[in-house]
């Protein structure tokens, strides 16, 4: 439905596609009927899985329905991300009229004469690129980065060993529980698992790019801590300071607790971004592209002085 509305509003100015984390395999008949009410035909649309687009460059991701923002992965080239938490109409029960009139359902959202502008009018009022966006300095979903950082801080401060841990709790604004698998087994799973970030940070007292690889994902020490992670009530103080932040507390067998609060993770725009961090990320990941000769160092030099580059081909040639 969202794809149909955006396609209609865009009038061919950009490519629009939709996909789900748990696609039904068909387009709901009432979705087709509801869209027909506003003159949009989606009868030829298909049900797709979001993994089908992981190899494609996606500029903007808009998630709708419940916890879709947590389940949706990051995509190559992704610049913008927004979440509009409508109730999932596929879960509505009752007569056809009751379903269409469900709270936060189609007719409540759009009425008889949908105002597309009303859907986007509030964007930017509670989210700003200058304070909420950031560069990804560690793997996985940005909202979980502070969890790993806080867990590592708490483990270092308390000199905690993994075998001493009884419980790891996470508290962060806007989250009441976990929406992702507690025991992820692959990159997509760990990328959106706050439990993995907490367990890995506590086990290794750090969280880096190595934690995106199978050796760490299946590390028995980290996996042994996954079952000890739980979410507790969100914080109530200093909420304005949290920019994808979190509080992590590690409880040990001797009855002690070690906590760390990270209001904004490293790489968050509000903290400022250092070239040293950018270079560290580039040097950690680019070798996997197996660039020829001395192209790794040469390309980093071009990137750092990009304002002086006359043609982008100078960089492209070094990335072959």
C-alpha atoms as a PDB file:
ATOM      1  CA  UNK A   1       0.000   0.000   0.000  1.00  0.00           C
ATOM      2  CA  UNK A   2       2.801   2.392   0.884  1.00  0.00           C
ATOM      3  CA  UNK A   3       4.543   1.576  -2.389  1.00  0.00           C
ATOM      4  CA  UNK A   4       1.368   2.344  -4.331  1.00  0.00           C
ATOM      5  CA  UNK A   5       0.832   5.671  -2.595  1.00  0.00           C
ATOM      6  CA  UNK A   6       4.445   6.767  -3.022  1.00  0.00           C
ATOM      7  CA  UNK A   7       4.526   5.696  -6.660  1.00  0.00           C
ATOM      8  CA  UNK A   8       1.426   7.776  -7.278  1.00  0.00           C
ATOM      9  CA  UNK A   9       2.838  10.795  -5.446  1.00  0.00           C
ATOM     10  CA  UNK A  10       6.292  10.538  -7.080  1.00  0.00           C
ATOM     11  CA  UNK A  11       4.928  10.399 -10.614  1.00  0.00           C
ATOM     12  CA  UNK A  12       7.992   8.546 -11.860  1.00  0.00           C
ATOM     13  CA  UNK A  13      10.569  10.914 -10.329  1.00  0.00           C
ATOM     14  CA  UNK A  14      12.276   8.037  -8.523  1.00  0.00           C
ATOM     15  CA  UNK A  15      12.093   4.257  -8.249  1.00  0.00           C
ATOM     16  CA  UNK A  16       9.893   2.883  -5.478  1.00  0.00           C
ATOM     17  CA  UNK A  17       9.811  -0.678  -4.135  1.00  0.00           C
ATOM     18  CA  UNK A  18       8.361  -2.366  -1.062  1.00  0.00           C
ATOM     19  CA  UNK A  19       9.284  -5.506   0.854  1.00  0.00           C
ATOM     20  CA  UNK A  20       8.698  -7.132   4.218  1.00  0.00           C
ATOM     21  CA  UNK A  21      10.586  -9.027   6.911  1.00  0.00           C
ATOM     22  CA  UNK A  22       7.878 -11.708   6.871  1.00  0.00           C
ATOM     23  CA  UNK A  23       6.141 -11.433   3.471  1.00  0.00           C
ATOM     24  CA  UNK A  24       2.812 -13.222   3.152  1.00  0.00           C
ATOM     25  CA  UNK A  25       3.506 -14.288  -0.425  1.00  0.00           C
ATOM     26  CA  UNK A  26       0.520 -12.398  -1.788  1.00  0.00           C
ATOM     27  CA  UNK A  27      -1.043  -8.934  -1.765  1.00  0.00           C
ATOM     28  CA  UNK A  28      -3.914  -8.777   0.730  1.00  0.00           C
ATOM     29  CA  UNK A  29      -7.278  -8.489  -1.093  1.00  0.00           C
ATOM     30  CA  UNK A  30      -8.423  -5.715   1.249  1.00  0.00           C
ATOM     31  CA  UNK A  31      -5.230  -3.766   0.545  1.00  0.00           C
ATOM     32  CA  UNK A  32      -6.114  -3.841  -3.152  1.00  0.00           C
ATOM     33  CA  UNK A  33      -9.683  -2.788  -2.372  1.00  0.00           C
ATOM     34  CA  UNK A  34      -8.666  -0.001   0.015  1.00  0.00           C
ATOM     35  CA  UNK A  35      -6.243   1.460  -2.500  1.00  0.00           C
ATOM     36  CA  UNK A  36      -8.876   1.325  -5.196  1.00  0.00           C
ATOM     37  CA  UNK A  37     -10.946   3.636  -2.963  1.00  0.00           C
ATOM     38  CA  UNK A  38      -8.421   6.394  -3.634  1.00  0.00           C
ATOM     39  CA  UNK A  39      -7.892   5.506  -7.273  1.00  0.00           C
ATOM     40  CA  UNK A  40      -4.630   3.560  -6.995  1.00  0.00           C
ATOM     41  CA  UNK A  41      -4.388   0.077  -8.538  1.00  0.00           C
ATOM     42  CA  UNK A  42      -1.954  -2.295  -6.783  1.00  0.00           C
ATOM     43  CA  UNK A  43      -3.520  -5.516  -8.062  1.00  0.00           C
ATOM     44  CA  UNK A  44      -0.383  -6.260 -10.102  1.00  0.00           C
ATOM     45  CA  UNK A  45       1.987  -5.752  -7.147  1.00  0.00           C
ATOM     46  CA  UNK A  46       3.801  -8.711  -5.582  1.00  0.00           C
ATOM     47  CA  UNK A  47       4.875  -9.704  -2.079  1.00  0.00           C
ATOM     48  CA  UNK A  48       8.669  -9.541  -1.665  1.00  0.00           C
ATOM     49  CA  UNK A  49      11.244 -10.178   1.083  1.00  0.00           C
ATOM     50  CA  UNK A  50      13.502  -7.283   2.062  1.00  0.00           C
ATOM     51  CA  UNK A  51      16.570  -9.522   1.604  1.00  0.00           C
ATOM     52  CA  UNK A  52      15.888  -9.373  -2.131  1.00  0.00           C
ATOM     53  CA  UNK A  53      17.186  -5.798  -2.068  1.00  0.00           C
ATOM     54  CA  UNK A  54      20.326  -6.224   0.036  1.00  0.00           C
ATOM     55  CA  UNK A  55      22.550  -6.183  -3.047  1.00  0.00           C
ATOM     56  CA  UNK A  56      20.919  -3.061  -4.451  1.00  0.00           C
ATOM     57  CA  UNK A  57      21.790   0.560  -3.718  1.00  0.00           C
ATOM     58  CA  UNK A  58      18.906   2.074  -1.743  1.00  0.00           C
ATOM     59  CA  UNK A  59      18.905   5.790  -0.965  1.00  0.00           C
ATOM     60  CA  UNK A  60      15.913   6.058   1.369  1.00  0.00           C
ATOM     61  CA  UNK A  61      14.229   3.454   3.593  1.00  0.00           C
ATOM     62  CA  UNK A  62      10.795   4.076   5.109  1.00  0.00           C
ATOM     63  CA  UNK A  63       9.589   1.437   7.554  1.00  0.00           C
ATOM     64  CA  UNK A  64       5.940   1.139   8.579  1.00  0.00           C
ATOM     65  CA  UNK A  65       3.979  -1.063  10.975  1.00  0.00           C
ATOM     66  CA  UNK A  66       5.132  -1.744  14.529  1.00  0.00           C
ATOM     67  CA  UNK A  67       8.739  -2.892  14.932  1.00  0.00           C
ATOM     68  CA  UNK A  68       9.617  -2.909  11.232  1.00  0.00           C
ATOM     69  CA  UNK A  69      12.325  -0.302  11.868  1.00  0.00           C
ATOM     70  CA  UNK A  70      14.171  -2.793  14.097  1.00  0.00           C
ATOM     71  CA  UNK A  71      13.789  -5.724  11.715  1.00  0.00           C
ATOM     72  CA  UNK A  72      14.843  -3.837   8.598  1.00  0.00           C
ATOM     73  CA  UNK A  73      18.562  -4.069   7.711  1.00  0.00           C
ATOM     74  CA  UNK A  74      20.815  -1.323   6.425  1.00  0.00           C
ATOM     75  CA  UNK A  75      21.121  -1.227   2.638  1.00  0.00           C
ATOM     76  CA  UNK A  76      24.066  -0.275   0.386  1.00  0.00           C
ATOM     77  CA  UNK A  77      24.016   3.437  -0.336  1.00  0.00           C
ATOM     78  CA  UNK A  78      21.344   4.137   2.286  1.00  0.00           C
ATOM     79  CA  UNK A  79      21.280   7.827   3.213  1.00  0.00           C
ATOM     80  CA  UNK A  80      17.847   8.411   4.754  1.00  0.00           C
ATOM     81  CA  UNK A  81      15.735   6.293   7.103  1.00  0.00           C
ATOM     82  CA  UNK A  82      12.290   7.064   8.512  1.00  0.00           C
ATOM     83  CA  UNK A  83       9.772   5.062  10.536  1.00  0.00           C
ATOM     84  CA  UNK A  84       6.008   5.599  10.514  1.00  0.00           C
ATOM     85  CA  UNK A  85       4.464   3.270  13.075  1.00  0.00           C
ATOM     86  CA  UNK A  86       1.051   2.434  11.629  1.00  0.00           C
ATOM     87  CA  UNK A  87      -0.736  -0.606  12.966  1.00  0.00           C
ATOM     88  CA  UNK A  88      -0.262  -3.541  10.586  1.00  0.00           C
ATOM     89  CA  UNK A  89      -3.609  -3.764   8.737  1.00  0.00           C
ATOM     90  CA  UNK A  90      -2.971  -7.424   7.953  1.00  0.00           C
ATOM     91  CA  UNK A  91      -3.442  -8.207  11.667  1.00  0.00           C
ATOM     92  CA  UNK A  92      -6.822  -6.490  11.933  1.00  0.00           C
ATOM     93  CA  UNK A  93      -9.834  -8.698  12.629  1.00  0.00           C
ATOM     94  CA  UNK A  94     -13.539  -8.294  12.044  1.00  0.00           C
ATOM     95  CA  UNK A  95     -15.745  -7.379   9.142  1.00  0.00           C
ATOM     96  CA  UNK A  96     -14.383  -5.639   6.081  1.00  0.00           C
ATOM     97  CA  UNK A  97     -15.649  -2.281   7.325  1.00  0.00           C
ATOM     98  CA  UNK A  98     -14.221  -2.855  10.824  1.00  0.00           C
ATOM     99  CA  UNK A  99     -10.815  -3.702   9.347  1.00  0.00           C
ATOM    100  CA  UNK A 100     -10.736  -0.619   7.147  1.00  0.00           C
ATOM    101  CA  UNK A 101     -11.819   1.515  10.115  1.00  0.00           C
ATOM    102  CA  UNK A 102      -9.322  -0.060  12.579  1.00  0.00           C
ATOM    103  CA  UNK A 103      -7.422   2.350  14.850  1.00  0.00           C
ATOM    104  CA  UNK A 104      -4.510   3.849  12.912  1.00  0.00           C
ATOM    105  CA  UNK A 105      -5.848   1.866   9.974  1.00  0.00           C
ATOM    106  CA  UNK A 106      -6.252   2.955   6.394  1.00  0.00           C
ATOM    107  CA  UNK A 107      -9.305   5.183   6.660  1.00  0.00           C
ATOM    108  CA  UNK A 108      -8.150   6.847   9.887  1.00  0.00           C
ATOM    109  CA  UNK A 109      -4.779   7.603   8.341  1.00  0.00           C
ATOM    110  CA  UNK A 110      -6.029   8.846   5.008  1.00  0.00           C
ATOM    111  CA  UNK A 111      -9.785   9.410   5.336  1.00  0.00           C
ATOM    112  CA  UNK A 112     -11.801   9.647   2.169  1.00  0.00           C
ATOM    113  CA  UNK A 113      -9.428  12.202   0.652  1.00  0.00           C
ATOM    114  CA  UNK A 114      -5.854  11.299   1.588  1.00  0.00           C
ATOM    115  CA  UNK A 115      -3.423  14.152   2.152  1.00  0.00           C
ATOM    116  CA  UNK A 116       0.011  12.794   1.282  1.00  0.00           C
ATOM    117  CA  UNK A 117       1.588  15.934   2.718  1.00  0.00           C
ATOM    118  CA  UNK A 118       0.083  15.167   6.125  1.00  0.00           C
ATOM    119  CA  UNK A 119       2.147  11.994   6.304  1.00  0.00           C
ATOM    120  CA  UNK A 120       5.446  13.784   5.788  1.00  0.00           C
ATOM    121  CA  UNK A 121       4.724  17.140   7.390  1.00  0.00           C
ATOM    122  CA  UNK A 122       6.211  16.291  10.797  1.00  0.00           C
ATOM    123  CA  UNK A 123       9.449  14.786   9.483  1.00  0.00           C
ATOM    124  CA  UNK A 124      12.357  16.730  10.956  1.00  0.00           C
ATOM    125  CA  UNK A 125      10.498  18.015  14.017  1.00  0.00           C
ATOM    126  CA  UNK A 126      11.864  15.247  16.248  1.00  0.00           C
ATOM    127  CA  UNK A 127      14.814  14.077  14.143  1.00  0.00           C
ATOM    128  CA  UNK A 128      17.695  16.103  12.785  1.00  0.00           C
ATOM    129  CA  UNK A 129      20.644  15.060  10.646  1.00  0.00           C
ATOM    130  CA  UNK A 130      22.839  17.300  12.814  1.00  0.00           C
ATOM    131  CA  UNK A 131      22.016  15.523  16.074  1.00  0.00           C
ATOM    132  CA  UNK A 132      20.586  12.089  15.301  1.00  0.00           C
ATOM    133  CA  UNK A 133      22.550  10.854  12.329  1.00  0.00           C
ATOM    134  CA  UNK A 134      26.091   9.518  12.488  1.00  0.00           C
ATOM    135  CA  UNK A 135      28.772   7.522  10.746  1.00  0.00           C
ATOM    136  CA  UNK A 136      28.769   3.789  11.381  1.00  0.00           C
ATOM    137  CA  UNK A 137      32.072   3.066  13.137  1.00  0.00           C
ATOM    138  CA  UNK A 138      31.157  -0.481  14.173  1.00  0.00           C
ATOM    139  CA  UNK A 139      28.967  -3.117  12.485  1.00  0.00           C
ATOM    140  CA  UNK A 140      25.225  -3.481  12.876  1.00  0.00           C
ATOM    141  CA  UNK A 141      22.279  -1.157  13.367  1.00  0.00           C
ATOM    142  CA  UNK A 142      23.224   2.291  14.676  1.00  0.00           C
ATOM    143  CA  UNK A 143      20.544   2.241  17.433  1.00  0.00           C
ATOM    144  CA  UNK A 144      22.427  -0.678  19.049  1.00  0.00           C
ATOM    145  CA  UNK A 145      25.912   0.811  18.973  1.00  0.00           C
ATOM    146  CA  UNK A 146      25.512   2.516  22.339  1.00  0.00           C
ATOM    147  CA  UNK A 147      24.495  -0.838  23.856  1.00  0.00           C
ATOM    148  CA  UNK A 148      27.805  -2.425  22.889  1.00  0.00           C
ATOM    149  CA  UNK A 149      29.769   0.640  23.972  1.00  0.00           C
ATOM    150  CA  UNK A 150      28.057   0.796  27.364  1.00  0.00           C
ATOM    151  CA  UNK A 151      28.477  -2.953  27.926  1.00  0.00           C
ATOM    152  CA  UNK A 152      32.195  -2.725  27.147  1.00  0.00           C
ATOM    153  CA  UNK A 153      32.561   0.304  29.436  1.00  0.00           C
ATOM    154  CA  UNK A 154      30.836  -1.480  32.313  1.00  0.00           C
ATOM    155  CA  UNK A 155      32.915  -4.647  31.873  1.00  0.00           C
ATOM    156  CA  UNK A 156      36.173  -2.679  31.841  1.00  0.00           C
ATOM    157  CA  UNK A 157      35.221  -0.483  34.788  1.00  0.00           C
ATOM    158  CA  UNK A 158      34.301  -3.481  36.913  1.00  0.00           C
ATOM    159  CA  UNK A 159      37.071  -5.712  35.521  1.00  0.00           C
ATOM    160  CA  UNK A 160      34.306  -8.232  34.844  1.00  0.00           C
ATOM    161  CA  UNK A 161      35.095 -11.639  33.350  1.00  0.00           C
ATOM    162  CA  UNK A 162      32.405 -13.411  31.273  1.00  0.00           C
ATOM    163  CA  UNK A 163      32.182 -16.327  33.705  1.00  0.00           C
ATOM    164  CA  UNK A 164      31.332 -13.914  36.522  1.00  0.00           C
ATOM    165  CA  UNK A 165      28.264 -12.474  34.779  1.00  0.00           C
ATOM    166  CA  UNK A 166      24.836 -13.281  36.177  1.00  0.00           C
ATOM    167  CA  UNK A 167      22.769 -10.786  34.217  1.00  0.00           C
ATOM    168  CA  UNK A 168      23.117  -7.966  31.685  1.00  0.00           C
ATOM    169  CA  UNK A 169      20.302  -5.426  31.497  1.00  0.00           C
ATOM    170  CA  UNK A 170      19.627  -2.821  28.833  1.00  0.00           C
ATOM    171  CA  UNK A 171      17.583   0.332  29.350  1.00  0.00           C
ATOM    172  CA  UNK A 172      17.007   2.792  26.521  1.00  0.00           C
ATOM    173  CA  UNK A 173      14.308   5.290  25.567  1.00  0.00           C
ATOM    174  CA  UNK A 174      11.519   3.970  23.390  1.00  0.00           C
ATOM    175  CA  UNK A 175      12.266   0.273  23.886  1.00  0.00           C
ATOM    176  CA  UNK A 176      10.201  -2.004  26.116  1.00  0.00           C
ATOM    177  CA  UNK A 177      11.457  -5.358  24.867  1.00  0.00           C
ATOM    178  CA  UNK A 178      13.335  -7.228  22.178  1.00  0.00           C
ATOM    179  CA  UNK A 179      11.912  -7.499  18.670  1.00  0.00           C
ATOM    180  CA  UNK A 180      14.736  -9.588  17.244  1.00  0.00           C
ATOM    181  CA  UNK A 181      16.080 -13.120  17.820  1.00  0.00           C
ATOM    182  CA  UNK A 182      17.875 -13.566  21.117  1.00  0.00           C
ATOM    183  CA  UNK A 183      20.353 -15.988  19.589  1.00  0.00           C
ATOM    184  CA  UNK A 184      21.261 -14.611  16.119  1.00  0.00           C
ATOM    185  CA  UNK A 185      23.355 -16.837  13.860  1.00  0.00           C
ATOM    186  CA  UNK A 186      24.299 -14.580  10.939  1.00  0.00           C
ATOM    187  CA  UNK A 187      25.239 -11.015  10.037  1.00  0.00           C
ATOM    188  CA  UNK A 188      21.655  -9.877   9.435  1.00  0.00           C
ATOM    189  CA  UNK A 189      20.616 -11.348  12.764  1.00  0.00           C
ATOM    190  CA  UNK A 190      23.368  -9.778  14.852  1.00  0.00           C
ATOM    191  CA  UNK A 191      23.048  -6.436  13.081  1.00  0.00           C
ATOM    192  CA  UNK A 192      19.642  -5.906  14.681  1.00  0.00           C
ATOM    193  CA  UNK A 193      20.073  -7.827  17.932  1.00  0.00           C
ATOM    194  CA  UNK A 194      20.631  -5.619  20.978  1.00  0.00           C
ATOM    195  CA  UNK A 195      21.352  -8.837  22.895  1.00  0.00           C
ATOM    196  CA  UNK A 196      24.351  -9.611  20.697  1.00  0.00           C
ATOM    197  CA  UNK A 197      25.738  -6.091  21.078  1.00  0.00           C
ATOM    198  CA  UNK A 198      25.457  -6.325  24.868  1.00  0.00           C
ATOM    199  CA  UNK A 199      26.905  -9.843  25.089  1.00  0.00           C
ATOM    200  CA  UNK A 200      29.797  -9.108  22.715  1.00  0.00           C
ATOM    201  CA  UNK A 201      30.654  -5.819  24.431  1.00  0.00           C
ATOM    202  CA  UNK A 202      30.639  -7.453  27.861  1.00  0.00           C
ATOM    203  CA  UNK A 203      32.610 -10.524  26.757  1.00  0.00           C
ATOM    204  CA  UNK A 204      35.367  -8.704  24.846  1.00  0.00           C
ATOM    205  CA  UNK A 205      35.237  -5.316  26.605  1.00  0.00           C
ATOM    206  CA  UNK A 206      35.093  -3.884  23.105  1.00  0.00           C
ATOM    207  CA  UNK A 207      33.009  -4.027  19.937  1.00  0.00           C
ATOM    208  CA  UNK A 208      34.668  -3.714  16.539  1.00  0.00           C
ATOM    209  CA  UNK A 209      34.381  -4.903  12.949  1.00  0.00           C
ATOM    210  CA  UNK A 210      35.606  -8.381  13.921  1.00  0.00           C
ATOM    211  CA  UNK A 211      32.259  -8.914  15.619  1.00  0.00           C
ATOM    212  CA  UNK A 212      30.551  -8.964  12.208  1.00  0.00           C
ATOM    213  CA  UNK A 213      32.276 -12.207  11.240  1.00  0.00           C
ATOM    214  CA  UNK A 214      31.294 -15.809  11.870  1.00  0.00           C
ATOM    215  CA  UNK A 215      34.086 -16.494  14.344  1.00  0.00           C
ATOM    216  CA  UNK A 216      32.689 -13.949  16.771  1.00  0.00           C
ATOM    217  CA  UNK A 217      29.025 -14.531  15.955  1.00  0.00           C
ATOM    218  CA  UNK A 218      29.430 -18.177  16.988  1.00  0.00           C
ATOM    219  CA  UNK A 219      31.943 -17.535  19.752  1.00  0.00           C
ATOM    220  CA  UNK A 220      30.913 -19.765  22.702  1.00  0.00           C
ATOM    221  CA  UNK A 221      31.728 -17.096  25.297  1.00  0.00           C
ATOM    222  CA  UNK A 222      29.530 -14.493  23.607  1.00  0.00           C
ATOM    223  CA  UNK A 223      26.758 -17.020  22.957  1.00  0.00           C
ATOM    224  CA  UNK A 224      26.922 -18.049  26.612  1.00  0.00           C
ATOM    225  CA  UNK A 225      26.047 -14.490  27.614  1.00  0.00           C
ATOM    226  CA  UNK A 226      23.157 -14.040  25.165  1.00  0.00           C
ATOM    227  CA  UNK A 227      20.729 -15.840  27.454  1.00  0.00           C
ATOM    228  CA  UNK A 228      21.648 -13.517  30.321  1.00  0.00           C
ATOM    229  CA  UNK A 229      20.646 -10.312  28.525  1.00  0.00           C
ATOM    230  CA  UNK A 230      17.271  -8.737  29.170  1.00  0.00           C
ATOM    231  CA  UNK A 231      15.564  -5.413  28.565  1.00  0.00           C
ATOM    232  CA  UNK A 232      14.280  -3.400  31.514  1.00  0.00           C
ATOM    233  CA  UNK A 233      12.104  -0.287  31.707  1.00  0.00           C
ATOM    234  CA  UNK A 234      13.300   2.728  29.716  1.00  0.00           C
ATOM    235  CA  UNK A 235      15.093   5.556  31.558  1.00  0.00           C
ATOM    236  CA  UNK A 236      13.014   8.498  32.723  1.00  0.00           C
ATOM    237  CA  UNK A 237      15.684  11.142  33.352  1.00  0.00           C
ATOM    238  CA  UNK A 238      17.686  13.266  30.907  1.00  0.00           C
ATOM    239  CA  UNK A 239      15.712  11.914  27.958  1.00  0.00           C
ATOM    240  CA  UNK A 240      16.659  14.908  25.809  1.00  0.00           C
ATOM    241  CA  UNK A 241      20.311  13.804  25.981  1.00  0.00           C
ATOM    242  CA  UNK A 242      19.735  10.377  24.446  1.00  0.00           C
ATOM    243  CA  UNK A 243      20.594  10.115  20.764  1.00  0.00           C
ATOM    244  CA  UNK A 244      20.305   6.350  20.184  1.00  0.00           C
ATOM    245  CA  UNK A 245      21.806   5.980  23.665  1.00  0.00           C
ATOM    246  CA  UNK A 246      21.518   3.258  26.276  1.00  0.00           C
ATOM    247  CA  UNK A 247      22.262   2.223  29.856  1.00  0.00           C
ATOM    248  CA  UNK A 248      23.807  -1.207  30.367  1.00  0.00           C
ATOM    249  CA  UNK A 249      24.249  -2.826  33.774  1.00  0.00           C
ATOM    250  CA  UNK A 250      26.253  -5.994  34.377  1.00  0.00           C
ATOM    251  CA  UNK A 251      25.485  -7.967  37.551  1.00  0.00           C
ATOM    252  CA  UNK A 252      28.076 -10.448  38.793  1.00  0.00           C
ATOM    253  CA  UNK A 253      28.081 -13.515  41.053  1.00  0.00           C
ATOM    254  CA  UNK A 254      29.539 -11.546  43.950  1.00  0.00           C
ATOM    255  CA  UNK A 255      26.397  -9.393  44.040  1.00  0.00           C
ATOM    256  CA  UNK A 256      27.993  -6.318  42.495  1.00  0.00           C
ATOM    257  CA  UNK A 257      26.574  -4.217  39.657  1.00  0.00           C
ATOM    258  CA  UNK A 258      28.535  -2.225  37.121  1.00  0.00           C
ATOM    259  CA  UNK A 259      26.683   0.310  34.962  1.00  0.00           C
ATOM    260  CA  UNK A 260      27.544   2.594  32.082  1.00  0.00           C
ATOM    261  CA  UNK A 261      25.406   5.211  30.370  1.00  0.00           C
ATOM    262  CA  UNK A 262      26.165   6.166  26.779  1.00  0.00           C
ATOM    263  CA  UNK A 263      23.919   9.014  25.660  1.00  0.00           C
ATOM    264  CA  UNK A 264      25.210   8.910  22.084  1.00  0.00           C
ATOM    265  CA  UNK A 265      27.527   6.284  20.580  1.00  0.00           C
ATOM    266  CA  UNK A 266      30.853   7.040  18.965  1.00  0.00           C
ATOM    267  CA  UNK A 267      30.311   8.334  15.463  1.00  0.00           C
ATOM    268  CA  UNK A 268      27.127  10.199  16.365  1.00  0.00           C
ATOM    269  CA  UNK A 269      26.937  13.580  14.658  1.00  0.00           C
ATOM    270  CA  UNK A 270      26.197  15.335  17.939  1.00  0.00           C
ATOM    271  CA  UNK A 271      29.622  14.235  19.253  1.00  0.00           C
ATOM    272  CA  UNK A 272      31.503  15.241  16.133  1.00  0.00           C
ATOM    273  CA  UNK A 273      33.247  12.915  13.708  1.00  0.00           C
ATOM    274  CA  UNK A 274      37.027  12.588  13.571  1.00  0.00           C
ATOM    275  CA  UNK A 275      38.982  11.706  10.444  1.00  0.00           C
ATOM    276  CA  UNK A 276      40.972   9.217  12.508  1.00  0.00           C
ATOM    277  CA  UNK A 277      37.806   7.178  13.019  1.00  0.00           C
ATOM    278  CA  UNK A 278      36.905   7.377   9.325  1.00  0.00           C
ATOM    279  CA  UNK A 279      40.344   6.170   8.315  1.00  0.00           C
ATOM    280  CA  UNK A 280      40.302   3.365  10.879  1.00  0.00           C
ATOM    281  CA  UNK A 281      37.038   2.069   9.442  1.00  0.00           C
ATOM    282  CA  UNK A 282      38.297   2.360   5.868  1.00  0.00           C
ATOM    283  CA  UNK A 283      41.545   0.558   6.662  1.00  0.00           C
ATOM    284  CA  UNK A 284      39.699  -2.183   8.541  1.00  0.00           C
ATOM    285  CA  UNK A 285      37.179  -2.987   5.791  1.00  0.00           C
ATOM    286  CA  UNK A 286      38.654  -2.011   2.445  1.00  0.00           C
ATOM    287  CA  UNK A 287      41.294  -4.793   2.403  1.00  0.00           C
ATOM    288  CA  UNK A 288      38.417  -7.253   1.894  1.00  0.00           C
ATOM    289  CA  UNK A 289      37.881  -5.642  -1.519  1.00  0.00           C
ATOM    290  CA  UNK A 290      41.413  -6.800  -2.443  1.00  0.00           C
ATOM    291  CA  UNK A 291      42.486  -3.613  -4.158  1.00  0.00           C
ATOM    292  CA  UNK A 292      45.535  -3.887  -6.351  1.00  0.00           C
ATOM    293  CA  UNK A 293      49.019  -2.597  -5.471  1.00  0.00           C
ATOM    294  CA  UNK A 294      49.186   0.449  -3.229  1.00  0.00           C
ATOM    295  CA  UNK A 295      45.622   1.493  -4.030  1.00  0.00           C
ATOM    296  CA  UNK A 296      44.462   1.227  -0.422  1.00  0.00           C
ATOM    297  CA  UNK A 297      46.701   4.019   0.841  1.00  0.00           C
ATOM    298  CA  UNK A 298      46.331   6.007  -2.381  1.00  0.00           C
ATOM    299  CA  UNK A 299      42.539   5.883  -2.294  1.00  0.00           C
ATOM    300  CA  UNK A 300      42.480   6.936   1.360  1.00  0.00           C
ATOM    301  CA  UNK A 301      44.597   9.953   0.457  1.00  0.00           C
ATOM    302  CA  UNK A 302      42.168  10.922  -2.317  1.00  0.00           C
ATOM    303  CA  UNK A 303      39.199  10.566   0.026  1.00  0.00           C
ATOM    304  CA  UNK A 304      40.811  12.718   2.678  1.00  0.00           C
ATOM    305  CA  UNK A 305      41.525  15.458   0.119  1.00  0.00           C
ATOM    306  CA  UNK A 306      38.340  14.990  -1.887  1.00  0.00           C
ATOM    307  CA  UNK A 307      37.599  18.706  -2.067  1.00  0.00           C
ATOM    308  CA  UNK A 308      40.680  19.120  -4.234  1.00  0.00           C
ATOM    309  CA  UNK A 309      39.783  16.255  -6.585  1.00  0.00           C
ATOM    310  CA  UNK A 310      38.874  17.495 -10.055  1.00  0.00           C
ATOM    311  CA  UNK A 311      37.076  14.341 -11.188  1.00  0.00           C
ATOM    312  CA  UNK A 312      35.557  11.493  -9.202  1.00  0.00           C
ATOM    313  CA  UNK A 313      37.216   9.078 -11.621  1.00  0.00           C
ATOM    314  CA  UNK A 314      40.453   9.677  -9.701  1.00  0.00           C
ATOM    315  CA  UNK A 315      38.932   7.719  -6.820  1.00  0.00           C
ATOM    316  CA  UNK A 316      36.990   5.206  -8.910  1.00  0.00           C
ATOM    317  CA  UNK A 317      40.153   4.082 -10.717  1.00  0.00           C
ATOM    318  CA  UNK A 318      41.859   3.361  -7.393  1.00  0.00           C
ATOM    319  CA  UNK A 319      38.951   1.205  -6.202  1.00  0.00           C
ATOM    320  CA  UNK A 320      39.231  -1.320  -9.012  1.00  0.00           C
END
